[in-house]
Amino acid sequence: MERTVVRCAEGHVFSTASFPMQQAERLGPGRLVRCPRCARLRSAVPVPVPVPAPMPVRAPASVRQR
């Protein structure tokens, strides 16, 4: 099951396995989900997760020129 990163109405960011009806665009992006920080049902919306940049590859110390 895919996890979704969401932000609740109070601003808390967390991931959830159950974010119902994501494909139903006509309902809008918000869903009622229990926030683990507030411990209450809150309106939550998906948060775009940035793709990390690839790490540069460095040559081993034995190969580097001095």
Protein backbone atom coordinates (compact mmCIF):
# COMPACT_ATOMS: atom_id res chain seq x y z
CA MET A 1 0.00 0.00 0.00
CA GLU A 2 1.39 3.40 -0.97
CA ARG A 3 1.80 6.04 1.74
CA THR A 4 0.73 9.64 1.11
CA VAL A 5 2.32 12.69 2.75
CA VAL A 6 -0.41 15.09 3.92
CA ARG A 7 -0.79 18.35 5.87
CA CYS A 8 -3.66 18.80 8.33
CA ALA A 9 -5.59 22.04 8.87
CA GLU A 10 -3.34 22.84 11.87
CA GLY A 11 -0.21 22.60 9.67
CA HIS A 12 1.12 19.25 10.88
CA VAL A 13 2.77 17.16 8.14
CA PHE A 14 2.58 13.36 8.37
CA SER A 15 2.20 10.32 6.14
CA THR A 16 -0.83 8.08 6.00
CA ALA A 17 -1.59 4.78 4.32
CA SER A 18 -5.29 5.55 4.06
CA PHE A 19 -6.06 8.66 2.02
CA PRO A 20 -9.44 7.70 0.54
CA MET A 21 -10.61 8.40 -3.00
CA GLN A 22 -7.49 10.16 -4.31
CA GLN A 23 -8.64 9.66 -7.90
CA ALA A 24 -11.99 11.38 -7.31
CA GLU A 25 -10.95 14.85 -8.49
CA ARG A 26 -14.48 16.21 -8.41
CA LEU A 27 -14.48 15.95 -4.60
CA GLY A 28 -11.43 18.21 -4.22
CA PRO A 29 -8.09 17.42 -2.59
CA GLY A 30 -9.15 17.61 1.10
CA ARG A 31 -10.14 14.56 3.16
CA LEU A 32 -10.94 13.99 6.83
CA VAL A 33 -8.04 12.09 8.38
CA ARG A 34 -7.02 11.58 12.02
CA CYS A 35 -3.93 13.70 12.67
CA PRO A 36 -1.44 11.91 14.96
CA ARG A 37 -0.30 15.24 16.48
CA CYS A 38 -3.77 16.75 17.14
CA ALA A 39 -5.38 13.35 17.84
CA ARG A 40 -8.52 14.65 16.08
CA LEU A 41 -10.18 14.34 12.72
CA ARG A 42 -8.85 17.17 10.59
CA SER A 43 -9.16 18.21 6.98
CA ALA A 44 -5.93 17.10 5.27
CA VAL A 45 -4.52 17.76 1.80
CA PRO A 46 -1.67 15.99 -0.03
CA VAL A 47 1.75 17.66 0.12
CA PRO A 48 3.99 17.56 -2.96
CA VAL A 49 7.15 15.66 -2.03
CA PRO A 50 10.30 17.08 -3.68
CA VAL A 51 12.52 14.62 -5.55
CA PRO A 52 16.02 14.68 -4.04
CA ALA A 53 18.86 15.72 -6.34
CA PRO A 54 21.34 12.96 -7.17
CA MET A 55 24.54 12.98 -5.13
CA PRO A 56 27.71 13.85 -7.08
CA VAL A 57 30.06 10.93 -7.60
CA ARG A 58 33.59 11.50 -6.35
CA ALA A 59 36.65 9.48 -7.30
CA PRO A 60 38.27 7.44 -4.52
CA ALA A 61 41.20 9.08 -2.71
CA SER A 62 43.66 6.68 -4.30
CA VAL A 63 42.67 7.87 -7.81
CA ARG A 64 42.52 11.63 -7.15
CA GLN A 65 45.38 13.78 -8.42
CA ARG A 66 47.35 15.95 -6.01
